Amino acid sequence: MIEVELKGYADEEIFERVREKYRLVRREYHEDTYFQHPCRDFSKTDEALRIRIRQFNGHFEVFMTYKGPKLDKKSKTRKEIEVELTDPDKYVEILKNLGFVEVLTVTKIREKYYVEKGISIALDEVENLGKFIEIETLVEDEGEIGEAVEHLRAILEELGVKHFERRSYLELLMERYRNGEA
């Protein structure tokens, strides 16, 4: 499966429109730790490897996710491979023993909303970055990406999103740190 995702800058008005229009699934806390490969620069290959700790309703989940390069010019669409972890500290230890280096941890509060079958919206408040809205769906093959992107974009524009962002939270934070802003 291919995850088709669009992200835009948001404010409290956009958050309120989503809260009024769609059904809240749950509120989550995310702690995403990103790793750099010892032999290739993920910032140049447009890949990512992260361990996400997700907490909600007293529940705790951990996933390792590999994200491949973006597949189109308009969205954050990528191939994703995700596996649930039972002992994140041991996986971090394995990665470090293999030469992977911890790059940065991104923390956020996420509200997830059901839009329609197969489509969800996330309202994110990212530490040191601000408010964002993400919308996503899954498609079977690359030929379906264009139509899915246009449908998702129309939903976000209807909610008032004017500025879209293809860079990841990691990329945005790294840029802020390089510029001495964070």
C-alpha atoms as a PDB file:
ATOM      1  CA  MET A   1       0.000   0.000   0.000  1.00  0.00           C
ATOM      2  CA  ILE A   2       1.042   3.590  -0.595  1.00  0.00           C
ATOM      3  CA  GLU A   3       0.223   6.309   1.916  1.00  0.00           C
ATOM      4  CA  VAL A   4      -0.984   9.481   0.184  1.00  0.00           C
ATOM      5  CA  GLU A   5      -0.587  12.410   2.557  1.00  0.00           C
ATOM      6  CA  LEU A   6      -0.922  16.173   2.382  1.00  0.00           C
ATOM      7  CA  LYS A   7       0.120  18.569   5.126  1.00  0.00           C
ATOM      8  CA  GLY A   8      -0.749  22.214   5.549  1.00  0.00           C
ATOM      9  CA  TYR A   9      -0.140  25.005   7.982  1.00  0.00           C
ATOM     10  CA  ALA A  10      -3.061  25.530  10.331  1.00  0.00           C
ATOM     11  CA  ASP A  11      -4.362  27.903  12.953  1.00  0.00           C
ATOM     12  CA  GLU A  12      -7.030  27.665  15.640  1.00  0.00           C
ATOM     13  CA  GLU A  13      -9.794  28.537  13.131  1.00  0.00           C
ATOM     14  CA  ILE A  14      -8.889  25.561  10.926  1.00  0.00           C
ATOM     15  CA  PHE A  15      -8.673  23.325  14.008  1.00  0.00           C
ATOM     16  CA  GLU A  16     -12.190  24.464  15.054  1.00  0.00           C
ATOM     17  CA  ARG A  17     -13.624  23.804  11.565  1.00  0.00           C
ATOM     18  CA  VAL A  18     -12.318  20.240  11.699  1.00  0.00           C
ATOM     19  CA  ARG A  19     -13.642  19.733  15.245  1.00  0.00           C
ATOM     20  CA  GLU A  20     -17.100  20.948  14.200  1.00  0.00           C
ATOM     21  CA  LYS A  21     -17.290  19.001  10.930  1.00  0.00           C
ATOM     22  CA  TYR A  22     -15.669  15.618  11.645  1.00  0.00           C
ATOM     23  CA  ARG A  23     -15.796  12.923  14.327  1.00  0.00           C
ATOM     24  CA  LEU A  24     -12.896  12.766  16.794  1.00  0.00           C
ATOM     25  CA  VAL A  25     -11.306   9.322  16.862  1.00  0.00           C
ATOM     26  CA  ARG A  26      -8.821  10.045  19.654  1.00  0.00           C
ATOM     27  CA  ARG A  27      -6.203  12.402  21.034  1.00  0.00           C
ATOM     28  CA  GLU A  28      -2.625  11.089  21.034  1.00  0.00           C
ATOM     29  CA  TYR A  29       0.825  12.053  22.240  1.00  0.00           C
ATOM     30  CA  HIS A  30       3.663  11.178  19.827  1.00  0.00           C
ATOM     31  CA  GLU A  31       7.363  11.005  20.480  1.00  0.00           C
ATOM     32  CA  ASP A  32       9.147  10.295  17.171  1.00  0.00           C
ATOM     33  CA  THR A  33      12.866   9.556  17.295  1.00  0.00           C
ATOM     34  CA  TYR A  34      14.596   9.612  13.899  1.00  0.00           C
ATOM     35  CA  PHE A  35      17.761   7.731  13.006  1.00  0.00           C
ATOM     36  CA  GLN A  36      20.471   8.298  10.396  1.00  0.00           C
ATOM     37  CA  HIS A  37      21.812   5.348   8.421  1.00  0.00           C
ATOM     38  CA  PRO A  38      25.573   4.751   8.900  1.00  0.00           C
ATOM     39  CA  CYS A  39      26.308   4.461   5.146  1.00  0.00           C
ATOM     40  CA  ARG A  40      23.814   6.724   3.368  1.00  0.00           C
ATOM     41  CA  ASP A  41      22.422  10.143   4.083  1.00  0.00           C
ATOM     42  CA  PHE A  42      18.640   9.926   4.436  1.00  0.00           C
ATOM     43  CA  SER A  43      18.388  13.708   3.948  1.00  0.00           C
ATOM     44  CA  LYS A  44      19.816  13.199   0.433  1.00  0.00           C
ATOM     45  CA  THR A  45      17.883  10.000  -0.409  1.00  0.00           C
ATOM     46  CA  ASP A  46      14.608  11.446   1.011  1.00  0.00           C
ATOM     47  CA  GLU A  47      14.105   8.456   3.315  1.00  0.00           C
ATOM     48  CA  ALA A  48      13.381   8.243   7.019  1.00  0.00           C
ATOM     49  CA  LEU A  49      13.634   5.688   9.802  1.00  0.00           C
ATOM     50  CA  ARG A  50      11.894   6.427  13.071  1.00  0.00           C
ATOM     51  CA  ILE A  51      10.657   4.876  16.265  1.00  0.00           C
ATOM     52  CA  ARG A  52       7.311   6.341  17.346  1.00  0.00           C
ATOM     53  CA  ILE A  53       6.013   6.070  20.881  1.00  0.00           C
ATOM     54  CA  ARG A  54       2.269   6.744  20.778  1.00  0.00           C
ATOM     55  CA  GLN A  55       0.181   7.204  23.908  1.00  0.00           C
ATOM     56  CA  PHE A  56      -3.605   7.563  24.056  1.00  0.00           C
ATOM     57  CA  ASN A  57      -6.393   6.742  26.521  1.00  0.00           C
ATOM     58  CA  GLY A  58      -3.886   5.168  28.938  1.00  0.00           C
ATOM     59  CA  HIS A  59      -2.633   2.954  26.087  1.00  0.00           C
ATOM     60  CA  PHE A  60       0.971   2.773  24.880  1.00  0.00           C
ATOM     61  CA  GLU A  61       2.169   1.633  21.426  1.00  0.00           C
ATOM     62  CA  VAL A  62       5.570   1.672  19.749  1.00  0.00           C
ATOM     63  CA  PHE A  63       6.278   1.343  16.020  1.00  0.00           C
ATOM     64  CA  MET A  64       9.366   1.398  13.849  1.00  0.00           C
ATOM     65  CA  THR A  65       8.650   2.981  10.476  1.00  0.00           C
ATOM     66  CA  TYR A  66      10.684   3.177   7.294  1.00  0.00           C
ATOM     67  CA  LYS A  67       9.539   5.878   4.857  1.00  0.00           C
ATOM     68  CA  GLY A  68      10.761   5.733   1.277  1.00  0.00           C
ATOM     69  CA  PRO A  69      11.342   8.735  -0.987  1.00  0.00           C
ATOM     70  CA  LYS A  70       8.365  10.932  -1.909  1.00  0.00           C
ATOM     71  CA  LEU A  71       6.600   9.630  -5.013  1.00  0.00           C
ATOM     72  CA  ASP A  72       5.132  12.836  -6.447  1.00  0.00           C
ATOM     73  CA  LYS A  73       5.778  16.589  -6.528  1.00  0.00           C
ATOM     74  CA  LYS A  74       2.589  17.779  -4.791  1.00  0.00           C
ATOM     75  CA  SER A  75       2.256  15.647  -1.677  1.00  0.00           C
ATOM     76  CA  LYS A  76       4.132  13.678   0.947  1.00  0.00           C
ATOM     77  CA  THR A  77       3.151  10.365  -0.673  1.00  0.00           C
ATOM     78  CA  ARG A  78       5.617   7.583   0.174  1.00  0.00           C
ATOM     79  CA  LYS A  79       5.944   3.871   0.533  1.00  0.00           C
ATOM     80  CA  GLU A  80       5.818   3.077   4.249  1.00  0.00           C
ATOM     81  CA  ILE A  81       6.779  -0.058   6.108  1.00  0.00           C
ATOM     82  CA  GLU A  82       5.765  -0.195   9.752  1.00  0.00           C
ATOM     83  CA  VAL A  83       6.244  -2.838  12.430  1.00  0.00           C
ATOM     84  CA  GLU A  84       5.054  -2.829  16.021  1.00  0.00           C
ATOM     85  CA  LEU A  85       7.777  -3.076  18.674  1.00  0.00           C
ATOM     86  CA  THR A  86       7.496  -4.595  22.119  1.00  0.00           C
ATOM     87  CA  ASP A  87      10.720  -3.281  23.673  1.00  0.00           C
ATOM     88  CA  PRO A  88      11.776   0.041  22.086  1.00  0.00           C
ATOM     89  CA  ASP A  89      14.944   0.368  24.183  1.00  0.00           C
ATOM     90  CA  LYS A  90      16.271  -2.930  22.795  1.00  0.00           C
ATOM     91  CA  TYR A  91      15.535  -1.846  19.208  1.00  0.00           C
ATOM     92  CA  VAL A  92      17.353   1.449  19.783  1.00  0.00           C
ATOM     93  CA  GLU A  93      20.273  -0.527  21.201  1.00  0.00           C
ATOM     94  CA  ILE A  94      20.309  -2.754  18.083  1.00  0.00           C
ATOM     95  CA  LEU A  95      20.218   0.274  15.766  1.00  0.00           C
ATOM     96  CA  LYS A  96      23.055   1.980  17.624  1.00  0.00           C
ATOM     97  CA  ASN A  97      25.140  -1.207  17.583  1.00  0.00           C
ATOM     98  CA  LEU A  98      24.625  -1.323  13.799  1.00  0.00           C
ATOM     99  CA  GLY A  99      25.946   2.238  13.470  1.00  0.00           C
ATOM    100  CA  PHE A 100      22.679   4.149  13.228  1.00  0.00           C
ATOM    101  CA  VAL A 101      22.763   7.552  14.912  1.00  0.00           C
ATOM    102  CA  GLU A 102      19.889   9.255  16.683  1.00  0.00           C
ATOM    103  CA  VAL A 103      19.155  12.512  14.837  1.00  0.00           C
ATOM    104  CA  LEU A 104      16.294  14.231  16.644  1.00  0.00           C
ATOM    105  CA  THR A 105      13.096  13.544  18.557  1.00  0.00           C
ATOM    106  CA  VAL A 106       9.907  15.280  17.400  1.00  0.00           C
ATOM    107  CA  THR A 107       7.099  15.550  19.952  1.00  0.00           C
ATOM    108  CA  LYS A 108       3.527  16.460  19.200  1.00  0.00           C
ATOM    109  CA  ILE A 109      -0.059  16.292  20.366  1.00  0.00           C
ATOM    110  CA  ARG A 110      -2.275  14.827  17.637  1.00  0.00           C
ATOM    111  CA  GLU A 111      -6.046  14.779  17.347  1.00  0.00           C
ATOM    112  CA  LYS A 112      -7.247  12.190  14.794  1.00  0.00           C
ATOM    113  CA  TYR A 113     -10.541  12.654  12.945  1.00  0.00           C
ATOM    114  CA  TYR A 114     -12.584  10.399  10.670  1.00  0.00           C
ATOM    115  CA  VAL A 115     -13.440  12.175   7.396  1.00  0.00           C
ATOM    116  CA  GLU A 116     -14.891   9.424   5.197  1.00  0.00           C
ATOM    117  CA  LYS A 117     -14.117   5.809   4.398  1.00  0.00           C
ATOM    118  CA  GLY A 118     -10.351   5.473   4.146  1.00  0.00           C
ATOM    119  CA  ILE A 119      -9.568   9.142   4.868  1.00  0.00           C
ATOM    120  CA  SER A 120      -8.465  10.669   8.154  1.00  0.00           C
ATOM    121  CA  ILE A 121      -7.314  14.092   9.313  1.00  0.00           C
ATOM    122  CA  ALA A 122      -4.759  14.790  12.028  1.00  0.00           C
ATOM    123  CA  LEU A 123      -4.516  18.102  13.847  1.00  0.00           C
ATOM    124  CA  ASP A 124      -0.937  18.382  15.088  1.00  0.00           C
ATOM    125  CA  GLU A 125       0.569  20.741  17.624  1.00  0.00           C
ATOM    126  CA  VAL A 126       4.285  20.164  17.130  1.00  0.00           C
ATOM    127  CA  GLU A 127       6.710  21.300  19.812  1.00  0.00           C
ATOM    128  CA  ASN A 128       8.864  24.184  18.501  1.00  0.00           C
ATOM    129  CA  LEU A 129       6.967  24.298  15.167  1.00  0.00           C
ATOM    130  CA  GLY A 130       3.295  25.105  15.745  1.00  0.00           C
ATOM    131  CA  LYS A 131      -0.024  23.902  14.321  1.00  0.00           C
ATOM    132  CA  PHE A 132      -0.441  21.718  11.237  1.00  0.00           C
ATOM    133  CA  ILE A 133      -3.155  19.683   9.573  1.00  0.00           C
ATOM    134  CA  GLU A 134      -2.475  16.390   7.803  1.00  0.00           C
ATOM    135  CA  ILE A 135      -4.883  14.376   5.701  1.00  0.00           C
ATOM    136  CA  GLU A 136      -4.169  10.884   4.428  1.00  0.00           C
ATOM    137  CA  THR A 137      -5.494   7.859   2.609  1.00  0.00           C
ATOM    138  CA  LEU A 138      -4.071   4.643   1.178  1.00  0.00           C
ATOM    139  CA  VAL A 139      -3.938   3.594  -2.482  1.00  0.00           C
ATOM    140  CA  GLU A 140      -3.005   0.311  -4.114  1.00  0.00           C
ATOM    141  CA  ASP A 141      -0.650   1.596  -6.810  1.00  0.00           C
ATOM    142  CA  GLU A 142       1.104   4.720  -8.077  1.00  0.00           C
ATOM    143  CA  GLY A 143      -1.488   5.299 -10.819  1.00  0.00           C
ATOM    144  CA  GLU A 144      -4.040   6.278  -8.157  1.00  0.00           C
ATOM    145  CA  ILE A 145      -1.878   8.922  -6.460  1.00  0.00           C
ATOM    146  CA  GLY A 146      -2.855  11.943  -8.596  1.00  0.00           C
ATOM    147  CA  GLU A 147      -6.596  11.550  -8.123  1.00  0.00           C
ATOM    148  CA  ALA A 148      -6.178  10.896  -4.380  1.00  0.00           C
ATOM    149  CA  VAL A 149      -3.981  13.988  -3.948  1.00  0.00           C
ATOM    150  CA  GLU A 150      -6.534  16.215  -5.674  1.00  0.00           C
ATOM    151  CA  HIS A 151      -9.388  14.848  -3.538  1.00  0.00           C
ATOM    152  CA  LEU A 152      -7.423  15.362  -0.297  1.00  0.00           C
ATOM    153  CA  ARG A 153      -6.323  18.853  -1.385  1.00  0.00           C
ATOM    154  CA  ALA A 154      -9.955  19.852  -2.053  1.00  0.00           C
ATOM    155  CA  ILE A 155     -10.950  18.780   1.472  1.00  0.00           C
ATOM    156  CA  LEU A 156      -8.128  20.821   3.040  1.00  0.00           C
ATOM    157  CA  GLU A 157      -8.867  23.880   0.891  1.00  0.00           C
ATOM    158  CA  GLU A 158     -12.536  23.686   1.903  1.00  0.00           C
ATOM    159  CA  LEU A 159     -11.343  23.834   5.528  1.00  0.00           C
ATOM    160  CA  GLY A 160      -9.373  27.006   4.765  1.00  0.00           C
ATOM    161  CA  VAL A 161      -5.854  25.620   4.290  1.00  0.00           C
ATOM    162  CA  LYS A 162      -3.927  27.941   1.987  1.00  0.00           C
ATOM    163  CA  HIS A 163      -0.298  26.942   2.527  1.00  0.00           C
ATOM    164  CA  PHE A 164       0.867  23.363   2.024  1.00  0.00           C
ATOM    165  CA  GLU A 165       4.142  21.814   3.223  1.00  0.00           C
ATOM    166  CA  ARG A 166       5.918  18.767   1.743  1.00  0.00           C
ATOM    167  CA  ARG A 167       8.766  18.743   4.224  1.00  0.00           C
ATOM    168  CA  SER A 168       8.535  16.487   7.250  1.00  0.00           C
ATOM    169  CA  TYR A 169       8.458  17.804  10.799  1.00  0.00           C
ATOM    170  CA  LEU A 170      12.011  16.502  11.118  1.00  0.00           C
ATOM    171  CA  GLU A 171      13.141  18.528   8.086  1.00  0.00           C
ATOM    172  CA  LEU A 172      11.387  21.666   9.361  1.00  0.00           C
ATOM    173  CA  LEU A 173      12.932  21.332  12.826  1.00  0.00           C
ATOM    174  CA  MET A 174      16.401  20.626  11.421  1.00  0.00           C
ATOM    175  CA  GLU A 175      16.134  23.794   9.330  1.00  0.00           C
ATOM    176  CA  ARG A 176      15.133  25.798  12.407  1.00  0.00           C
ATOM    177  CA  TYR A 177      18.093  24.422  14.364  1.00  0.00           C
ATOM    178  CA  ARG A 178      20.502  25.222  11.485  1.00  0.00           C
ATOM    179  CA  ASN A 179      19.152  28.773  11.403  1.00  0.00           C
ATOM    180  CA  GLY A 180      19.427  29.120  15.194  1.00  0.00           C
ATOM    181  CA  GLU A 181      15.655  29.533  15.604  1.00  0.00           C
ATOM    182  CA  ALA A 182      14.888  26.609  17.919  1.00  0.00           C
END
